[in-house]
Each structure stands twice: as C-alpha cells, then as structure tokens.
Protein backbone atom coordinates (compact mmCIF):
# COMPACT_ATOMS: atom_id res chain seq x y z
CA GLN A 1 88.83 155.96 -96.18
CA GLU A 2 89.07 155.72 -100.25
CA PHE A 3 85.66 153.74 -99.84
CA ALA A 4 84.49 156.61 -97.77
CA ASP A 5 85.42 159.52 -100.03
CA ALA A 6 84.01 157.58 -103.01
CA ILE A 7 80.60 157.42 -101.33
CA ALA A 8 80.62 161.35 -100.55
CA ASP A 9 81.80 162.40 -104.11
CA ALA A 10 78.91 160.23 -105.59
CA CYS A 11 76.23 161.76 -103.38
CA LEU A 12 77.89 165.34 -104.05
CA ASN A 13 78.48 164.98 -107.79
CA GLN A 14 74.65 163.68 -108.03
CA TYR A 15 73.57 166.72 -106.12
CA GLN A 16 75.46 169.20 -108.25
CA SER A 17 74.08 167.51 -111.49
CA LEU A 18 70.41 168.59 -110.22
CA PRO A 19 68.91 171.84 -111.45
CA ASN A 20 69.01 174.68 -109.22
CA THR A 21 65.42 174.84 -108.14
CA GLY A 22 65.14 174.47 -104.45
CA LYS A 23 68.76 174.72 -103.89
CA PRO A 24 70.09 177.25 -101.17
CA SER A 25 71.06 180.48 -103.04
CA VAL A 26 72.89 183.60 -102.04
CA LYS A 27 70.71 186.73 -102.08
CA GLY A 28 72.67 189.87 -101.10
CA THR A 29 74.25 189.34 -97.57
CA LYS A 30 71.95 186.37 -96.75
CA HIS A 31 73.29 182.94 -97.49
CA GLU A 32 71.09 179.97 -97.40
CA TRP A 33 72.06 176.58 -96.50
CA THR A 34 70.95 173.11 -95.99
CA ILE A 35 71.99 169.55 -95.09
CA LEU A 36 72.41 167.10 -97.85
CA ALA A 37 72.29 163.13 -97.28
CA GLY A 38 72.42 160.27 -99.60
CA ILE A 39 72.50 156.50 -99.80
CA CYS A 40 74.77 154.55 -102.13
CA LEU A 41 74.66 151.02 -103.39
CA ALA A 42 77.96 149.32 -103.56
CA GLN A 43 78.39 146.20 -105.60
CA ARG A 44 81.22 144.06 -104.99
CA ALA A 45 83.11 141.82 -107.38
CA PRO A 46 86.59 140.32 -107.67
CA LEU A 47 88.77 142.18 -110.46
CA ASP A 48 88.43 139.31 -112.69
CA HIS A 49 84.71 139.14 -112.52
CA SER A 50 82.36 141.22 -114.65
CA ILE A 51 79.51 142.93 -112.86
CA SER A 52 76.61 142.11 -115.05
CA THR A 53 74.00 144.90 -113.87
CA LYS A 54 73.22 147.53 -116.30
CA ARG A 55 75.65 150.60 -115.97
CA LYS A 56 74.14 153.77 -114.63
CA SER A 57 74.98 157.11 -115.53
CA ASN A 58 75.75 158.10 -111.89
CA GLN A 59 77.97 155.23 -111.39
CA LYS A 60 81.46 155.12 -110.04
CA ASP A 61 84.21 152.17 -110.10
CA LEU A 62 86.55 151.74 -107.38
CA THR A 63 89.22 149.07 -106.52
CA ILE A 64 90.31 148.28 -103.40
CA ASP A 65 92.28 145.10 -101.94
CA ASN A 66 91.57 143.31 -105.19
CA GLU A 67 88.17 143.85 -105.24
CA ARG A 68 85.92 146.05 -107.34
CA TYR A 69 83.17 147.91 -106.18
CA GLU A 70 80.44 149.78 -108.50
CA ILE A 71 79.09 152.63 -106.65
CA SER A 72 75.80 154.41 -107.39
CA VAL A 73 73.62 156.89 -105.66
CA VAL A 74 70.08 155.31 -105.24
CA ALA A 75 68.54 158.07 -102.85
CA LEU A 76 69.27 161.66 -102.12
CA GLY A 77 67.71 164.37 -99.84
CA THR A 78 68.12 167.60 -98.56
CA GLY A 79 66.31 169.49 -95.85
CA LEU A 80 66.33 170.71 -92.21
CA LYS A 81 62.55 171.41 -91.54
CA CYS A 82 59.75 169.75 -89.80
CA LEU A 83 56.24 170.37 -88.94
CA PRO A 84 55.29 171.88 -85.33
CA LEU A 85 52.90 170.02 -83.33
CA SER A 86 49.99 172.36 -84.33
CA LYS A 87 50.59 171.54 -87.94
CA LEU A 88 50.35 167.65 -87.65
CA SER A 89 47.80 166.59 -89.85
CA GLN A 90 45.09 164.28 -88.73
CA ARG A 91 44.60 162.65 -92.23
CA GLY A 92 48.07 161.83 -92.32
CA ASP A 93 48.79 163.41 -95.77
CA ALA A 94 51.39 165.89 -94.62
CA VAL A 95 55.20 165.30 -94.43
CA GLN A 96 56.07 165.56 -90.84
CA ASP A 97 59.63 165.45 -91.00
CA SER A 98 61.63 167.03 -93.87
CA HIS A 99 65.22 166.49 -92.55
CA ALA A 100 67.63 165.11 -95.19
CA GLU A 101 68.21 162.00 -93.59
CA VAL A 102 64.75 161.21 -93.47
CA ILE A 103 63.75 162.31 -96.98
CA THR A 104 66.58 160.08 -98.23
CA ARG A 105 65.26 157.08 -96.34
CA ARG A 106 61.96 157.73 -97.88
CA GLY A 107 63.34 157.71 -101.17
CA PHE A 108 65.38 154.58 -100.37
CA ILE A 109 62.15 152.82 -99.79
CA LYS A 110 60.60 153.95 -102.86
CA TYR A 111 63.96 152.43 -104.47
CA LEU A 112 63.36 149.32 -102.62
CA LEU A 113 59.74 148.73 -103.83
CA ASP A 114 60.95 149.40 -107.26
CA GLU A 115 63.73 146.71 -106.91
CA VAL A 116 61.00 144.28 -105.29
CA ALA A 117 58.96 144.91 -108.56
CA SER A 118 61.76 144.06 -110.63
CA TYR A 119 62.46 140.93 -109.14
CA HIS A 120 58.98 139.70 -109.66
CA ALA A 121 58.86 140.55 -113.26
CA GLU A 122 62.39 138.59 -113.79
CA GLN A 123 64.18 141.70 -114.25
CA PRO A 124 67.69 142.27 -112.82
CA SER A 125 67.41 143.08 -109.03
CA ILE A 126 69.40 143.47 -105.95
CA PHE A 127 66.87 140.67 -104.29
CA GLU A 128 67.10 137.07 -103.99
CA PRO A 129 65.01 134.70 -102.11
CA ALA A 130 65.69 134.73 -98.39
CA ASP A 131 65.50 130.68 -98.33
CA GLU A 132 63.37 127.87 -99.71
CA LYS A 133 60.85 127.79 -97.32
CA SER A 134 60.01 131.31 -96.85
CA GLN A 135 58.57 133.69 -99.73
CA LYS A 136 60.44 136.84 -98.32
CA LEU A 137 63.27 138.48 -100.34
CA ARG A 138 66.81 139.35 -98.98
CA VAL A 139 69.48 141.57 -100.56
CA LYS A 140 72.26 139.75 -102.26
CA SER A 141 75.52 139.57 -100.49
CA SER A 142 77.24 141.26 -103.05
CA TYR A 143 75.53 144.39 -102.41
CA SER A 144 75.70 147.04 -99.18
CA PHE A 145 74.48 150.14 -98.48
CA HIS A 146 76.12 153.35 -97.18
CA MET A 147 75.03 156.83 -96.16
CA TYR A 148 76.47 160.16 -96.62
CA ILE A 149 75.65 163.11 -94.49
CA SER A 150 76.98 166.47 -95.05
CA GLN A 151 76.89 167.39 -91.48
CA ALA A 152 76.39 165.15 -87.99
CA PRO A 153 72.66 163.98 -87.49
CA CYS A 154 70.61 166.44 -85.29
CA GLY A 155 70.40 164.97 -81.68
CA ASP A 156 72.65 163.03 -79.66
CA ALA A 157 75.27 162.26 -82.47
CA SER A 158 76.17 166.36 -82.50
CA MET A 159 75.75 167.48 -78.78
CA THR A 160 79.54 166.84 -78.11
CA GLU A 161 80.49 169.43 -80.89
CA LEU A 162 77.55 171.65 -79.80
CA GLU A 163 78.83 171.50 -76.21
CA ALA A 164 82.31 172.63 -77.36
CA MET A 165 80.89 175.30 -79.33
CA GLN A 166 78.87 176.65 -76.80
CA SER A 167 79.81 179.52 -74.38
CA LYS A 168 78.29 180.59 -70.85
CA GLU A 169 76.86 183.76 -72.80
CA SER A 170 75.26 182.01 -75.65
CA LEU A 171 73.70 179.32 -72.98
CA LEU A 172 72.24 182.52 -71.25
CA ALA A 173 71.15 184.15 -73.96
CA HIS A 174 69.19 181.11 -75.13
CA MET A 175 67.57 180.35 -71.67
CA GLU A 176 66.40 184.15 -71.31
CA GLY A 177 65.48 184.63 -74.81
CA LYS A 178 62.59 187.47 -74.84
CA LYS A 179 61.01 185.90 -77.81
CA ARG A 180 60.27 182.44 -76.27
CA LYS A 181 56.60 181.57 -75.77
CA ALA A 182 57.45 179.11 -72.96
CA THR A 183 60.52 177.68 -71.10
CA ASP A 184 61.94 174.62 -72.70
CA GLN A 185 61.03 172.64 -69.55
CA GLU A 186 57.48 173.53 -69.95
CA VAL A 187 57.40 172.67 -73.71
CA ASP A 188 59.01 169.28 -72.84
CA TYR A 189 56.41 168.44 -69.99
CA ASN A 190 53.20 169.49 -71.85
CA SER A 191 54.37 167.79 -75.16
CA LEU A 192 55.55 164.74 -73.84
CA SER A 193 52.77 164.34 -71.34
CA LEU A 194 50.08 164.87 -73.63
CA TYR A 195 51.14 163.20 -76.79
CA THR A 196 53.18 160.10 -75.62
CA TYR A 197 51.19 156.72 -75.20
CA LYS A 198 50.50 156.35 -71.47
CA PHE A 199 52.45 153.23 -70.98
CA LYS A 200 55.62 155.22 -72.61
CA ARG A 201 54.95 158.18 -70.58
CA GLN A 202 55.02 156.39 -67.49
CA LYS A 203 58.18 154.64 -68.33
CA LEU A 204 59.76 157.89 -69.48
CA HIS A 205 58.69 160.22 -66.52
CA LYS A 206 58.14 158.02 -63.66
CA LYS A 207 61.21 156.13 -62.12
CA SER A 208 58.75 155.17 -58.98
CA GLU A 209 55.48 156.27 -58.03
CA LYS A 210 56.92 158.30 -55.20
CA ILE A 211 58.32 160.82 -57.61
CA SER A 212 56.29 164.01 -57.56
CA GLU A 213 54.88 165.82 -60.43
CA GLU A 214 56.99 168.56 -59.41
CA ASN A 215 60.25 166.52 -59.86
CA ASP A 216 58.87 164.67 -63.05
CA LEU A 217 61.03 166.50 -65.46
CA GLU A 218 64.29 165.34 -63.64
CA SER A 219 63.61 161.63 -64.77
CA THR A 220 62.51 162.64 -68.11
CA THR A 221 64.62 160.80 -70.66
CA VAL A 222 63.73 162.99 -73.75
CA ARG A 223 64.82 166.63 -74.19
CA ARG A 224 63.57 169.26 -76.88
CA GLY A 225 66.00 169.96 -79.40
CA ARG A 226 69.57 171.03 -77.80
CA VAL A 227 68.17 171.78 -74.54
CA GLY A 228 70.56 170.30 -71.93
CA TYR A 229 73.14 169.81 -74.61
CA GLN A 230 75.61 168.67 -72.09
CA GLU A 231 73.42 165.48 -71.48
CA PHE A 232 74.39 162.57 -73.54
CA GLY A 233 72.91 159.48 -74.92
CA ILE A 234 69.33 160.30 -74.24
CA LEU A 235 66.31 160.82 -76.65
CA ARG A 236 65.81 164.32 -78.55
CA THR A 237 63.13 165.92 -80.55
CA LYS A 238 64.18 167.81 -83.55
CA PRO A 239 65.83 171.33 -82.77
CA GLY A 240 64.45 174.32 -83.36
CA ARG A 241 64.58 178.04 -82.49
CA VAL A 242 63.73 179.07 -78.96
CA ASP A 243 60.97 181.21 -80.08
CA SER A 244 59.39 178.31 -82.48
CA GLU A 245 56.61 176.30 -81.66
CA PRO A 246 57.97 172.61 -80.67
CA THR A 247 57.76 169.46 -82.84
CA LEU A 248 57.43 166.07 -81.52
CA SER A 249 59.44 164.61 -84.53
CA MET A 250 62.52 162.73 -83.08
CA SER A 251 66.01 163.74 -83.85
CA CYS A 252 67.80 162.11 -86.86
CA SER A 253 70.11 160.43 -84.09
CA ASP A 254 67.41 158.61 -82.74
CA LYS A 255 65.79 157.63 -86.03
CA LEU A 256 69.33 156.24 -87.36
CA ALA A 257 69.66 154.23 -84.04
CA ARG A 258 66.35 152.66 -84.56
CA TRP A 259 67.09 151.78 -88.29
CA ASN A 260 70.11 150.22 -87.02
CA VAL A 261 68.12 147.69 -85.32
CA LEU A 262 64.92 147.59 -87.26
CA GLY A 263 66.09 148.13 -90.67
CA LEU A 264 65.65 151.15 -93.44
CA GLN A 265 62.59 149.32 -94.93
CA SER A 266 59.13 150.23 -93.99
CA THR A 267 56.84 148.14 -91.90
CA LEU A 268 54.75 146.89 -94.93
CA LEU A 269 58.07 146.01 -96.96
CA ALA A 270 59.08 144.27 -93.64
CA MET A 271 56.37 141.70 -94.53
CA ILE A 272 58.24 140.76 -97.77
CA ILE A 273 61.86 141.35 -97.33
CA ASP A 274 64.15 140.82 -94.82
CA PRO A 275 65.67 144.00 -92.88
CA VAL A 276 67.93 146.13 -95.03
CA TYR A 277 70.72 148.05 -92.99
CA LEU A 278 73.36 150.30 -93.78
CA ASP A 279 76.77 149.24 -93.57
CA SER A 280 78.57 152.47 -93.08
CA VAL A 281 77.93 156.01 -92.39
CA ILE A 282 80.17 158.90 -93.88
CA VAL A 283 79.87 162.41 -91.81
CA ASN A 284 81.42 165.62 -93.12
CA GLN A 285 81.05 168.67 -90.62
CA MET A 286 80.92 168.12 -86.77
CA PHE A 287 82.36 164.68 -87.10
CA ASP A 288 82.98 163.46 -83.62
CA LEU A 289 83.82 159.57 -83.59
CA GLN A 290 82.92 159.02 -79.84
CA ALA A 291 79.72 160.95 -80.05
CA LEU A 292 78.56 159.03 -83.43
CA GLN A 293 79.26 155.54 -81.88
CA ARG A 294 77.28 156.42 -78.67
CA ALA A 295 74.44 157.87 -80.55
CA LEU A 296 73.95 155.40 -83.40
CA TYR A 297 74.79 152.18 -81.47
CA GLY A 298 76.65 152.34 -78.34
CA ARG A 299 73.59 153.46 -76.46
CA LEU A 300 71.57 150.40 -77.84
CA SER A 301 73.74 148.01 -75.75
CA THR A 302 71.10 147.73 -73.19
CA LEU A 303 68.76 146.20 -75.80
CA PRO A 304 67.58 142.27 -75.31
CA SER A 305 70.25 139.83 -76.24
CA GLU A 306 68.29 139.17 -79.61
CA TYR A 307 69.35 142.57 -80.69
CA SER A 308 72.95 142.48 -79.66
CA ARG A 309 74.23 141.41 -83.01
CA LEU A 310 72.38 144.11 -84.91
CA SER A 311 73.40 146.98 -82.70
CA ARG A 312 76.86 147.26 -84.05
CA ARG A 313 76.27 145.98 -87.61
CA MET A 314 75.63 149.61 -88.97
CA LEU A 315 78.55 151.36 -88.24
CA ASP A 316 81.75 151.75 -89.96
CA LEU A 317 81.85 155.73 -89.38
CA TYR A 318 84.23 157.89 -91.60
CA ASN A 319 85.10 161.32 -91.77
C-alpha cells in the first residue's frame, strides 16, 4: 500500500505543478471536473547500491523491504472526451480518444521512443539488448511501470459501482429520455453492423445462422457506454449522454485489457522492442477489486494458452 500511495502522490504532485491552463475550474455554481491518469517508472536497487541514473526533478525515493525505489512520472494525461462517429477523420489527423488513460499511453509511447533513441546514442536508457541473436531491445529488469487513475476506467471495470448507484427511477429516466435521437439498441445495432469488419461482425452478432435479424442484438457482446450496466465482462464503447451521437471508440477497460496482452508499446515499436507491460494499476474513486480483476485480466482467461502467462501479469491492484 505504501508503494501504491507513492505512485499516486507522484502523479498528483506532478499534475499540481503544471500551469492552470486547461485544468478544470470553478465558475459560479459550475464546477468542472476531469479524470487524471499517469504512468510512473520505478527503478529498484538494494539499499547499499547507488542508482546511477540522472536524478529527475519529479523523482520520489521510497524504501520497502530493504530495497530502494526511485519513482518518477514519465507520462501524464487528463480527459474524458472522444470523437463521435461523424467526426472521425478519413485522413487519420484527429485524436479520436482523449480519455485520460489513452492520452497517458500516447505520452508513454513518446517516452519509449526517446529511451530507444538514448540507447542508440549510447546515453543512459531503460533498455538493453533482448538477447545476443536478436536486434530487439527489452526493458532492464530493475525497472517497472505503474499506472495511477483517479477513477475506475470506463467500461466493465466501473459497471459494478454504477449498478450499485443506479436507482429504478434514474434507469427509467435514461431509457425514456426525450432528447434521445435513437434508442441505445438502434445505435448499437446500426453502428456495430456498419462499421465492424465483416468477420468480426458475424462473430459478435451471430451465434448461429438460425438467429434471426430481429434477435440479433441478444447475441451482441458489445454495448454502447453504460447501456445494460448490469451486464458484466462484455465489450463496451465509451459512455456518453443519451442525447449524444455515439462513438465507436472502445472503453478504457477494454483498452487496458488489450494492453495487458499486447503491451503498451505501439505496433511500430513492437518491431524493435519487446512488449512493455504495466506491473500495477492504482485506482482512486469507484474502486472495486472484483470488478477490476474481471475487467482487466479475469475475462482474458479464454485466450489461447500462449497468452495465459500474460493475462495476469499486469495487475497488482491498489486503492
């Protein structure tokens, strides 16, 4: 727990040190808010061993079980917006997903690129050769990465808490909202049917050829945002107001689960470095251990055996 608190403190202190531009503000009775996420690098060394890397201004020292850790923030992001379907750019020149966890991961990829460049420039780096035969790099064993999130990731990881807070009245108001442009079922069906690759669409929407189109939604394993919040362990798109245009961007729970298997590095970086994983995730608000375990690695148990060693690797989970 002390380690988790140190990760959270490092991210919060780094955020507080930034200028107020772009941060939530209080305007009269209107209180803005956002989600904060960050990734910290933890370098481990025995108490009698001097860590030789250059000390950073945001570095925090911690001693646990006769080992010393130097913790520094390497990526930080805030946000809870994403582009709706109609705003997606065909040129790929717009950021589709601006949720805090995704923005942080984008910054982390930039950090990895800088570390690769430092290695090839023979400067201090977190990387070392993966093996003698391969030209790929890997993260040195003395380093680990840890993510802090100020609220449980959207999607499956937060559904249990949302169910506990939801009343029958609020559910009815949601389902009968007068501002809605279409029912959530209609949005789900149209968006996923039109914009999912054909073979995936067949897998998602059809359990057999005998299922009629009218019953197609019953076999769907993807939901829009918080629709059907009492359903757990399924894929979800980003949440949004009932009167808003839907997005095809997947929830942060789904993206974290994917990174738990594939790694945080990009596809291009995967060509030159071994996968880079998170060793822990620290969540502040809406923390539910069972829901986080299910969302971030528990539902990956059906993956092929070659992925089995990865599906639990990520998570020590802390509040």
